[in-house]
Protein backbone atom coordinates (compact mmCIF):
# COMPACT_ATOMS: atom_id res chain seq x y z
CA MET A 1 108.49 117.89 163.90
CA ASN A 2 106.16 117.49 160.93
CA MET A 3 104.57 120.56 159.44
CA THR A 4 100.81 120.06 159.44
CA ILE A 5 98.04 122.08 157.90
CA GLY A 6 96.95 123.02 161.42
CA MET A 7 100.40 124.42 162.20
CA ILE A 8 100.19 126.65 159.13
CA PHE A 9 96.88 128.06 160.35
CA PHE A 10 98.40 128.68 163.79
CA ILE A 11 101.21 130.66 162.17
CA ILE A 12 98.70 132.65 160.11
CA ALA A 13 96.69 133.35 163.28
CA ALA A 14 99.81 134.57 165.08
CA ILE A 15 100.64 136.94 162.23
CA VAL A 16 97.07 138.26 162.00
CA LEU A 17 96.80 138.80 165.75
CA PHE A 18 100.22 140.48 165.83
CA LEU A 19 99.20 142.88 163.06
CA GLY A 20 95.98 143.63 164.92
CA GLY A 21 97.92 144.20 168.12
CA ILE A 22 100.20 146.81 166.60
CA GLY A 23 97.20 148.57 165.07
CA SER A 24 97.72 147.78 161.41
CA ALA A 25 94.68 148.22 159.17
CA ILE A 26 95.74 145.53 156.68
CA VAL A 27 93.36 142.91 158.13
CA PRO A 28 89.84 144.06 159.05
CA ASN A 29 88.56 142.51 162.30
CA PRO A 30 91.84 140.78 163.21
CA VAL A 31 90.43 139.10 166.33
CA THR A 32 87.69 137.39 164.34
CA TRP A 33 90.11 136.19 161.66
CA GLY A 34 92.66 135.14 164.28
CA LEU A 35 90.11 133.03 166.16
CA PHE A 36 88.90 131.54 162.86
CA CYS A 37 92.45 130.51 161.97
CA ILE A 38 92.98 129.03 165.44
CA THR A 39 89.78 127.01 165.05
CA LEU A 40 90.89 125.70 161.66
CA GLY A 41 94.29 124.90 163.15
CA LEU A 42 92.71 122.82 165.88
CA LEU A 43 90.40 121.02 163.44
CA LEU A 44 93.10 120.28 160.87
CA GLY A 45 95.95 119.53 163.26
CA GLY A 46 96.11 115.84 162.40
CA TYR A 47 96.61 116.23 158.66
CA ASP A 48 100.12 116.55 157.31
CA LEU A 49 101.07 118.20 154.05
CA GLY A 50 101.57 114.88 152.27
CA PHE A 51 97.85 114.02 152.28
CA ARG A 52 98.78 110.36 152.77
CA ARG A 53 96.36 107.87 154.24
CA ARG A 54 97.05 106.76 157.76
């Protein structure tokens, strides 16, 4: 499995939503930031970390 930029944003979204779920105040508005990271993950899912041309 190749690590893509989209996968990194999905991991960030999972961490942000988990912190919001346990009530941590580290990230303000965790649902908004989580959905933003999910959107970026879906948009950038086809790009790998090598930035090579296809």
